């Protein structure tokens, strides 16, 4: 279940040398509820009714109101940001594919695993496989590239 008291220690920084191919990024889980979807829609100016109106979402074939692409991308970004620290940067997020609706009532967990690492132009480049899952199965999958500082 989601830990509402989870604290992030932003003083910690991950470095290129600390990462191994095959290592997993700590997952981030979040419950999907209507209030969260409405707040996200307002923050991102995505007022498509299928993301906050149950009847319209169900008329379109979804089980309930569901998370938007922007919400999903934001959660992938949060997952990576918490893992890498403030000196890391997200170079590329995606493409990713949505496979199952992330609907009201679901608890979705965002995950990643390191697929490759290399040094390029004095930066540590990390390639990641990213995905999200709920009790219904894998809901989205894709890729990301981040840069991490290199220890001198």
Foldseek 3Di string as FASTA:
>chain_A
DADPPDDFDLVDADALVNDDAFDKQDKHKDADALVVQVVVCVVVVPPDCLQRAQVVVVVVPANGRFHDPVRVQVRLVVSVCSRHHDQKFWPDDDDKDFDHTRHHPWIKMKIKGWHDWDDDPQWIKTKIKIWMATPVGTGMITITIMIGHHDD
